[in-house]
Protein backbone atom coordinates (compact mmCIF):
# COMPACT_ATOMS: atom_id res chain seq x y z
CA MET A 1 -0.18 0.36 -0.34
CA THR A 2 1.22 3.27 -0.84
CA ASP A 3 -1.08 6.26 0.78
CA ALA A 4 -0.64 6.30 4.75
CA GLY A 5 -4.40 7.56 4.76
CA LEU A 6 -5.89 4.31 3.52
CA THR A 7 -6.81 3.50 7.10
CA HIS A 8 -9.44 0.85 6.55
CA LEU A 9 -7.17 -1.24 4.44
CA ARG A 10 -4.72 -0.83 6.93
CA ALA A 11 -7.03 -1.82 9.52
CA LEU A 12 -8.12 -4.67 7.37
CA GLU A 13 -4.24 -5.96 7.12
CA ALA A 14 -4.41 -5.65 10.95
CA ARG A 15 -6.49 -8.60 11.11
CA GLY A 16 -4.26 -11.01 9.24
CA HIS A 17 -4.90 -13.29 6.30
CA TRP A 18 -5.44 -16.95 7.74
CA GLY A 19 -8.01 -18.51 9.49
CA ILE A 20 -11.66 -20.42 9.31
CA LYS A 21 -14.69 -19.90 10.69
CA CYS A 22 -17.48 -22.90 11.03
CA GLY A 23 -20.67 -21.34 10.01
CA LEU A 24 -21.86 -18.71 7.29
CA GLU A 25 -23.87 -16.89 9.99
CA ASN A 26 -21.30 -13.99 9.88
CA PRO A 27 -20.45 -13.32 6.25
CA ARG A 28 -24.90 -13.11 5.77
CA LYS A 29 -25.16 -10.97 8.66
CA LEU A 30 -22.54 -8.65 7.08
CA LEU A 31 -23.82 -8.77 3.76
CA GLY A 32 -27.53 -8.30 5.12
CA ALA A 33 -26.23 -5.29 6.77
CA LEU A 34 -25.02 -3.64 3.35
CA GLY A 35 -28.11 -4.83 1.49
CA HIS A 36 -27.25 -8.20 -0.11
CA PRO A 37 -24.84 -7.22 -2.73
CA GLU A 38 -24.20 -10.78 -3.67
CA PHE A 39 -27.33 -11.13 -4.98
CA ALA A 40 -27.37 -8.19 -7.10
CA PHE A 41 -25.25 -10.03 -10.15
CA PRO A 42 -25.22 -13.63 -11.08
CA VAL A 43 -22.28 -15.36 -9.37
CA VAL A 44 -20.19 -18.19 -10.52
CA LEU A 45 -18.50 -20.07 -8.07
CA LEU A 46 -14.86 -21.22 -7.87
CA ALA A 47 -13.35 -23.80 -5.80
CA GLY A 48 -10.69 -26.19 -5.96
CA THR A 49 -7.34 -26.95 -4.66
CA ASN A 50 -5.08 -25.60 -7.31
CA GLY A 51 -5.89 -23.74 -11.07
CA LYS A 52 -8.52 -21.44 -9.36
CA GLY A 53 -6.69 -18.43 -10.13
CA SER A 54 -5.70 -19.25 -13.63
CA THR A 55 -9.21 -20.54 -14.41
CA GLY A 56 -10.83 -17.55 -12.71
CA ALA A 57 -8.49 -15.36 -15.33
CA PHE A 58 -9.19 -17.47 -18.15
CA LEU A 59 -12.72 -17.29 -17.66
CA ALA A 60 -13.09 -13.34 -16.60
CA HIS A 61 -10.98 -12.32 -19.63
CA ALA A 62 -13.04 -14.24 -22.23
CA LEU A 63 -16.72 -13.13 -20.55
CA GLN A 64 -14.60 -9.47 -20.79
CA ALA A 65 -13.84 -10.51 -24.11
CA CYS A 66 -17.73 -11.25 -24.99
CA GLY A 67 -18.90 -8.29 -23.98
CA VAL A 68 -19.89 -9.07 -20.20
CA ARG A 69 -19.02 -6.75 -17.60
CA THR A 70 -17.46 -8.90 -15.29
CA GLY A 71 -16.09 -8.69 -11.89
CA TRP A 72 -13.82 -11.04 -10.10
CA THR A 73 -12.60 -12.13 -7.03
CA THR A 74 -8.82 -13.87 -6.52
CA SER A 75 -6.58 -14.38 -3.36
CA PRO A 76 -4.14 -14.26 -2.36
CA HIS A 77 -2.66 -11.07 -3.61
CA LEU A 78 1.14 -10.48 -4.02
CA VAL A 79 1.39 -7.14 -2.81
CA SER A 80 -1.78 -4.98 -2.65
CA PRO A 81 -4.77 -6.13 -1.39
CA ALA A 82 -6.70 -4.35 -4.46
CA GLU A 83 -5.26 -7.17 -6.62
CA ARG A 84 -7.91 -9.62 -5.05
CA VAL A 85 -10.89 -7.58 -6.63
CA TRP A 86 -11.40 -6.89 -10.51
CA VAL A 87 -13.81 -5.36 -12.56
CA ASP A 88 -13.72 -5.56 -16.08
CA GLY A 89 -10.14 -6.64 -16.68
CA ALA A 90 -8.79 -4.11 -13.84
CA PRO A 91 -8.09 -4.30 -10.17
CA LEU A 92 -9.87 -1.56 -7.99
CA ARG A 93 -7.82 1.30 -6.72
CA GLU A 94 -6.58 1.23 -3.37
CA ALA A 95 -8.86 3.84 -2.59
CA HIS A 96 -11.72 2.74 -3.77
CA LEU A 97 -11.61 -0.52 -2.10
CA ASP A 98 -10.45 1.46 1.30
CA ARG A 99 -14.05 3.10 0.63
CA LEU A 100 -15.82 0.39 0.44
CA LEU A 101 -14.19 -1.75 3.28
CA GLY A 102 -15.63 1.43 5.68
CA GLU A 103 -18.96 0.42 4.74
CA ALA A 104 -17.92 -3.08 5.48
CA PHE A 105 -16.33 -2.35 8.69
CA ALA A 106 -19.16 0.17 9.34
CA ALA A 107 -21.85 -2.41 9.05
CA GLU A 108 -20.10 -4.84 10.68
CA ALA A 109 -19.90 -2.37 14.11
CA ARG A 110 -23.64 -1.91 13.82
CA MET A 111 -24.40 -5.97 13.70
CA GLY A 112 -21.63 -6.37 16.43
CA LEU A 113 -19.58 -8.85 14.32
CA GLN A 114 -16.00 -9.70 14.48
CA ALA A 115 -15.57 -10.37 10.50
CA THR A 116 -12.49 -12.30 9.00
CA TYR A 117 -9.62 -10.43 6.32
CA PHE A 118 -11.80 -12.26 4.10
CA GLU A 119 -15.23 -12.16 5.23
CA LEU A 120 -14.39 -8.10 4.74
CA MET A 121 -12.88 -8.70 1.61
CA ILE A 122 -15.54 -10.63 -0.09
CA ALA A 123 -18.63 -7.85 1.40
CA ALA A 124 -15.81 -5.02 -0.47
CA ALA A 125 -16.20 -6.87 -3.37
CA CYS A 126 -19.76 -7.66 -3.85
CA LEU A 127 -20.27 -3.71 -3.08
CA ALA A 128 -18.10 -3.12 -5.77
CA PHE A 129 -19.48 -5.88 -8.60
CA ARG A 130 -23.25 -4.35 -7.45
CA GLU A 131 -22.08 -0.42 -7.68
CA ALA A 132 -20.38 -1.29 -11.39
CA GLY A 133 -23.37 -3.08 -12.40
CA VAL A 134 -21.69 -5.81 -13.37
CA GLY A 135 -23.28 -8.91 -15.25
CA LEU A 136 -21.22 -11.75 -14.30
CA ALA A 137 -19.04 -11.98 -10.79
CA VAL A 138 -16.79 -14.94 -10.83
CA LEU A 139 -15.89 -15.41 -6.93
CA GLU A 140 -12.96 -17.38 -5.95
CA VAL A 141 -13.31 -19.55 -2.90
CA GLY A 142 -10.52 -18.72 -0.29
CA MET A 143 -11.05 -22.16 1.43
CA GLY A 144 -12.61 -25.45 1.09
CA GLY A 145 -16.04 -24.15 0.48
CA ARG A 146 -18.49 -25.02 3.12
CA TRP A 147 -18.12 -22.16 5.10
CA ASP A 148 -16.25 -19.89 3.12
CA ALA A 149 -17.89 -16.31 2.69
CA THR A 150 -18.21 -16.67 -1.37
CA ASN A 151 -20.87 -19.61 -0.61
CA ALA A 152 -22.85 -17.34 1.00
CA SER A 153 -24.01 -16.09 -2.27
CA ASP A 154 -26.67 -18.19 -4.85
CA PRO A 155 -24.13 -19.34 -7.93
CA VAL A 156 -25.98 -20.02 -10.94
CA LEU A 157 -23.35 -22.05 -11.88
CA SER A 158 -20.33 -23.89 -9.60
CA ILE A 159 -16.75 -24.87 -10.58
CA LEU A 160 -14.38 -27.54 -9.06
CA THR A 161 -10.66 -27.42 -10.58
CA ASN A 162 -9.46 -30.04 -8.49
CA VAL A 163 -9.13 -31.89 -5.09
CA GLU A 164 -5.21 -32.11 -3.74
CA MET A 165 -4.17 -32.69 -0.15
CA ASP A 166 -3.90 -29.14 1.13
CA HIS A 167 -4.93 -27.44 4.07
CA MET A 168 -5.76 -30.73 6.16
CA ARG A 169 -5.86 -28.99 9.17
CA TYR A 170 -9.15 -27.24 8.68
CA LEU A 171 -10.39 -29.52 5.55
CA GLY A 172 -9.39 -33.02 6.56
CA GLY A 173 -6.91 -35.82 6.20
CA ASP A 174 -8.25 -37.49 2.75
CA ARG A 175 -9.19 -36.47 -0.26
CA GLU A 176 -12.68 -37.53 0.43
CA ALA A 177 -13.21 -35.34 3.16
CA ILE A 178 -11.68 -32.57 1.31
CA ALA A 179 -13.89 -33.19 -1.70
CA ARG A 180 -17.15 -32.84 0.32
CA GLU A 181 -16.00 -29.18 2.14
CA LYS A 182 -15.67 -28.04 -1.54
CA LEU A 183 -18.74 -29.89 -3.19
CA CYS A 184 -20.89 -27.78 -0.48
CA THR A 185 -20.39 -24.92 -3.45
CA ALA A 186 -22.20 -27.06 -5.92
CA ARG A 187 -26.22 -26.16 -5.96
CA HIS A 188 -29.20 -28.95 -6.47
CA GLY A 189 -30.30 -28.91 -10.08
CA ARG A 190 -27.97 -26.21 -11.41
CA PRO A 191 -24.17 -26.78 -13.29
CA LEU A 192 -21.44 -28.22 -11.88
CA VAL A 193 -17.91 -28.04 -13.68
CA LEU A 194 -15.65 -30.47 -13.00
CA GLY A 195 -11.89 -30.26 -14.02
CA PRO A 196 -10.48 -32.74 -16.54
CA GLY A 197 -8.84 -34.36 -13.82
CA LEU A 198 -11.91 -35.39 -11.26
CA ASP A 199 -14.09 -38.73 -11.88
CA PRO A 200 -17.43 -37.54 -11.49
CA ALA A 201 -18.14 -41.59 -10.52
CA TRP A 202 -15.98 -40.59 -7.44
CA LEU A 203 -17.56 -37.38 -6.37
CA TRP A 204 -21.15 -38.00 -6.55
CA PRO A 205 -21.57 -39.96 -3.62
CA LEU A 206 -19.72 -37.27 -1.95
CA LEU A 207 -22.06 -34.53 -2.80
CA GLU A 208 -25.33 -33.33 -0.44
CA CYS A 209 -27.10 -32.06 -3.27
CA ARG A 210 -27.53 -33.14 -6.66
CA PRO A 211 -26.05 -30.57 -9.31
CA GLU A 212 -26.17 -31.27 -13.21
CA LEU A 213 -22.52 -32.52 -13.86
CA HIS A 214 -20.12 -31.19 -16.58
CA PRO A 215 -17.15 -32.95 -16.89
CA ALA A 216 -14.49 -30.69 -19.02
CA PRO A 217 -12.90 -32.90 -21.65
CA ARG A 218 -9.49 -32.38 -21.92
CA LEU A 219 -7.47 -29.95 -24.18
CA ARG A 220 -4.33 -31.08 -25.92
CA ALA A 221 -1.25 -28.64 -26.83
CA GLU A 222 -0.34 -28.53 -30.62
CA ARG A 223 3.31 -26.72 -29.24
CA MET A 224 4.17 -26.47 -25.64
CA ALA A 225 7.54 -24.36 -24.73
CA TRP A 226 8.46 -23.03 -21.37
CA ASP A 227 6.80 -19.30 -21.49
CA HIS A 228 4.18 -20.35 -23.55
CA SER A 229 1.90 -22.72 -25.40
CA TRP A 230 -0.60 -23.38 -28.93
CA VAL A 231 -3.74 -24.70 -28.36
CA GLU A 232 -6.23 -24.69 -31.71
CA GLY A 233 -4.42 -22.50 -33.70
CA HIS A 234 -4.29 -19.71 -30.74
CA ARG A 235 -1.19 -18.63 -28.46
CA LEU A 236 -1.35 -18.81 -24.55
CA GLN A 237 0.26 -16.71 -22.48
CA LEU A 238 0.00 -19.01 -19.03
CA ALA A 239 2.32 -21.59 -20.03
CA GLY A 240 2.28 -25.66 -19.00
CA ALA A 241 0.38 -28.85 -19.14
CA HIS A 242 -1.86 -28.04 -16.23
CA GLN A 243 -2.82 -24.66 -17.41
CA LEU A 244 -4.23 -26.84 -20.16
CA ASP A 245 -6.72 -28.23 -17.63
CA ASN A 246 -7.30 -24.59 -15.97
CA LEU A 247 -8.40 -23.92 -19.55
CA ALA A 248 -10.27 -26.74 -20.21
CA THR A 249 -12.33 -25.82 -16.97
CA ALA A 250 -12.98 -22.10 -17.87
CA TRP A 251 -13.75 -23.58 -21.55
CA GLU A 252 -16.93 -25.66 -20.18
CA ALA A 253 -17.65 -23.26 -17.97
CA LEU A 254 -18.08 -20.72 -20.58
CA ARG A 255 -20.31 -23.55 -22.48
CA GLY A 256 -22.39 -24.02 -19.42
CA LEU A 257 -23.09 -19.91 -18.92
CA ALA A 258 -23.95 -20.09 -23.05
CA ARG A 259 -26.66 -22.16 -22.42
CA LEU A 260 -27.83 -19.92 -19.71
CA GLY A 261 -28.23 -17.16 -22.00
CA PHE A 262 -24.97 -15.62 -21.34
CA PRO A 263 -23.59 -14.06 -24.62
CA VAL A 264 -20.46 -16.07 -25.21
CA THR A 265 -19.43 -16.62 -28.64
CA ILE A 266 -16.27 -19.08 -29.69
CA GLU A 267 -14.37 -16.04 -31.49
CA ALA A 268 -14.20 -13.40 -28.87
CA ALA A 269 -13.79 -15.83 -26.02
CA TRP A 270 -10.64 -17.37 -27.69
CA ARG A 271 -9.43 -13.55 -28.09
CA GLY A 272 -9.77 -12.77 -24.13
CA ILE A 273 -8.12 -16.07 -23.41
CA GLU A 274 -5.12 -14.79 -26.15
CA ALA A 275 -5.00 -11.80 -23.76
CA THR A 276 -5.00 -13.76 -20.25
CA THR A 277 -2.18 -12.84 -18.32
CA TRP A 278 -1.55 -13.82 -14.85
CA PRO A 279 1.61 -12.62 -12.58
CA GLY A 280 3.12 -15.27 -10.39
CA ARG A 281 2.16 -18.23 -12.49
CA LEU A 282 5.47 -19.43 -14.53
CA TRP A 283 5.74 -15.53 -15.35
CA ALA A 284 8.19 -13.85 -16.66
CA VAL A 285 8.94 -11.02 -14.51
CA PRO A 286 8.89 -7.27 -16.32
CA GLY A 287 12.42 -5.86 -16.32
CA LEU A 288 14.28 -8.89 -14.90
CA PRO A 289 15.63 -11.22 -17.88
CA GLY A 290 14.76 -15.12 -17.64
CA VAL A 291 13.27 -14.73 -14.22
CA PHE A 292 10.10 -16.30 -13.81
CA MET A 293 7.98 -16.80 -10.66
CA ASP A 294 4.94 -19.02 -9.97
CA GLY A 295 3.11 -19.58 -6.96
CA ALA A 296 2.73 -23.51 -6.45
CA HIS A 297 2.85 -23.84 -2.82
CA ASN A 298 2.10 -27.29 -2.19
CA PRO A 299 2.86 -30.82 -3.90
CA HIS A 300 0.43 -31.29 -6.53
CA GLY A 301 1.12 -27.62 -7.98
CA ALA A 302 5.03 -28.20 -7.56
CA ARG A 303 4.52 -31.61 -9.28
CA SER A 304 2.75 -30.02 -12.48
CA LEU A 305 5.77 -27.25 -12.49
CA ALA A 306 8.58 -30.05 -12.96
CA ALA A 307 6.89 -31.89 -15.21
CA HIS A 308 6.49 -28.78 -17.43
CA ALA A 309 10.37 -28.21 -16.81
CA ARG A 310 10.69 -31.78 -18.02
CA ALA A 311 8.77 -31.53 -21.03
CA THR A 312 10.12 -28.20 -22.18
CA GLY A 313 13.74 -28.84 -21.18
CA VAL A 314 14.54 -26.59 -18.91
CA ARG A 315 16.67 -26.72 -15.83
CA PRO A 316 16.64 -23.34 -13.81
CA HIS A 317 18.63 -21.82 -11.05
CA LEU A 318 16.24 -22.40 -8.26
CA PHE A 319 14.89 -19.80 -5.75
CA PHE A 320 12.71 -21.64 -2.96
CA SER A 321 10.57 -20.54 0.23
CA ALA A 322 7.50 -21.34 1.45
CA MET A 323 5.52 -21.00 4.60
CA GLY A 324 6.16 -23.65 7.23
CA ASP A 325 2.87 -24.99 7.64
CA LYS A 326 3.08 -26.54 4.31
CA ASP A 327 4.05 -30.20 2.98
CA LEU A 328 7.57 -28.72 2.59
CA THR A 329 9.08 -32.49 1.76
CA GLY A 330 6.43 -33.23 -0.77
CA MET A 331 7.27 -29.98 -2.87
CA ARG A 332 10.90 -30.80 -2.39
CA ILE A 333 10.58 -34.70 -3.59
CA GLU A 334 8.59 -32.95 -6.82
CA LEU A 335 10.20 -29.94 -7.50
CA SER A 336 13.47 -31.93 -7.09
CA ARG A 337 12.11 -33.84 -10.67
CA MET A 338 12.92 -31.01 -12.42
CA GLU A 339 16.67 -31.69 -11.76
CA PRO A 340 17.57 -27.80 -11.28
CA ALA A 341 20.72 -26.42 -12.23
CA ALA A 342 21.07 -24.59 -8.75
CA VAL A 343 19.20 -24.04 -5.43
CA THR A 344 18.71 -20.83 -3.64
CA LEU A 345 16.55 -20.97 -0.56
CA VAL A 346 15.21 -18.12 1.13
CA ARG A 347 13.66 -17.31 4.33
CA GLY A 348 11.17 -13.85 4.63
CA ASP A 349 10.66 -12.22 8.05
CA ASN A 350 7.07 -13.42 8.70
CA PRO A 351 7.20 -16.22 11.44
CA ARG A 352 4.59 -18.27 9.36
CA TYR A 353 7.84 -18.77 6.95
CA ALA A 354 9.94 -22.29 7.21
CA THR A 355 12.92 -21.60 9.24
CA ALA A 356 16.04 -21.98 7.77
CA GLU A 357 16.81 -24.75 9.32
CA ALA A 358 14.11 -26.15 8.24
CA LEU A 359 14.71 -25.68 4.26
CA ARG A 360 18.55 -27.35 4.88
CA THR A 361 17.05 -30.21 6.52
CA LEU A 362 15.24 -30.66 3.50
CA TRP A 363 17.84 -29.26 0.42
CA GLY A 364 20.82 -29.78 1.62
CA ALA A 365 23.00 -28.78 4.46
CA GLY A 366 25.54 -26.75 2.54
CA LEU A 367 22.91 -24.48 0.97
CA GLU A 368 22.96 -20.71 1.78
CA VAL A 369 19.49 -19.01 3.54
CA LEU A 370 19.14 -15.32 1.80
CA ASP A 371 17.00 -12.84 3.22
CA ILE A 372 14.42 -11.01 0.82
CA ASP A 373 16.96 -7.98 0.51
CA THR A 374 19.66 -10.58 -0.54
CA ALA A 375 17.54 -12.79 -2.69
CA ALA A 376 16.01 -9.11 -4.86
CA GLY A 377 19.55 -8.31 -5.44
CA ARG A 378 20.79 -11.71 -6.57
CA LEU A 379 17.56 -11.69 -8.96
CA ARG A 380 18.78 -8.21 -10.36
CA GLU A 381 22.07 -9.73 -11.56
CA PRO A 382 22.37 -10.71 -15.39
CA SER A 383 22.24 -14.47 -15.80
CA GLU A 384 22.37 -16.65 -18.66
CA SER A 385 20.70 -19.25 -16.71
CA THR A 386 16.61 -19.61 -16.43
CA ARG A 387 15.52 -18.87 -12.78
CA LEU A 388 12.35 -19.76 -11.15
CA VAL A 389 10.90 -18.32 -8.06
CA CYS A 390 8.57 -20.79 -6.06
CA GLY A 391 7.08 -22.03 -2.97
CA SER A 392 4.45 -19.35 -1.98
CA LEU A 393 2.30 -16.39 -3.61
CA TYR A 394 3.22 -14.57 -0.18
CA PHE A 395 7.28 -15.24 -0.90
CA ILE A 396 6.19 -13.99 -4.57
CA GLY A 397 4.51 -10.84 -3.03
CA ASP A 398 7.26 -10.27 -0.45
CA LEU A 399 10.06 -10.06 -3.16
CA LEU A 400 7.89 -8.19 -5.52
CA ARG A 401 7.47 -5.36 -3.21
CA THR A 402 11.74 -5.48 -2.66
CA LEU A 403 12.03 -4.84 -5.80
CA GLY A 404 9.41 -2.35 -6.36
CA LEU A 405 7.30 -4.01 -9.31
CA ASP A 406 3.87 -3.76 -9.46
CA PRO A 407 2.39 -7.09 -10.76
CA THR A 408 -0.69 -5.42 -12.11
CA PHE A 409 1.39 -2.67 -13.99
């Protein structure tokens, strides 16, 4: 944040980003006190362990290209909380978000509530979308689904990208338990789009309602490079086989929205998809040649990233950091499969980061562990090798702040 006058944004940041509450009573009361903005527009509810941000980016850009005024929420942010709320292809300005948060805080006080960071952000986003008169909003679930603030909406269509092991402390210790939490974003009789890797027969007994299941068929790349792919004659700026699954999921959602009467056309949707970029997802960092950043933060994401490196013959110099509550061993095993040319470990100041000792235990006792400032300096230095920053979106955000880069340019 750049303006000392953004008092509501600073109050929000003081709440902390993490945590979950069981129950939708809080968000429903908060939204009710604001006049229920979540019901002022149709909603697509987007859940899944990985790929939500990229799927939402494809979907929002395609809808915008089709002439649908589109709202979109995503998380986490890299540098500013304003990155979490987009209207028609652009994030909110911080001053705009601060004003809307002021309304949410005032409603919280009137109702005698103690809302979470995420509940306040979703309330502000819904206010922004109602104010902008969006024709559709894509709401990305923060964690799980059953108790997520976004689930206070009434989606016309829901999406589940995939189900993998993450947030087990909150969601359960096996894939079935995690799937049950995420499937609560579905609505009886309404479309539920499934990512290509999901088996409808496995999911069906786990559902607590009976939606219409629409599995997304897989897409194949005609050509695939480290930083782009070609699909059906169209160049994608989001690279990797895992992005083809995210695109396939977005396409199935677009088909579902077309059946519901939204003005989706193939030609316009492809224009939006070709224009889709998503900072922090195998992202070529502007001004730092050869530096890429990817927010893979669990073994499944790390596996996809390593598979892409192997498929394209790239052995990057890895700059790795992660939060201490993540599956560090699983990520190390998967990322090691890309046989990185070198590994540099980094630890941030926040206590949530994995300790230097934990990082060395996993990757090698002889490896140096840099602080964020030193790592940023190394990345500024010219290099002939491809450098890949990964392990956490929060790590990427800290680096970008230190480097003075704005991911929304």
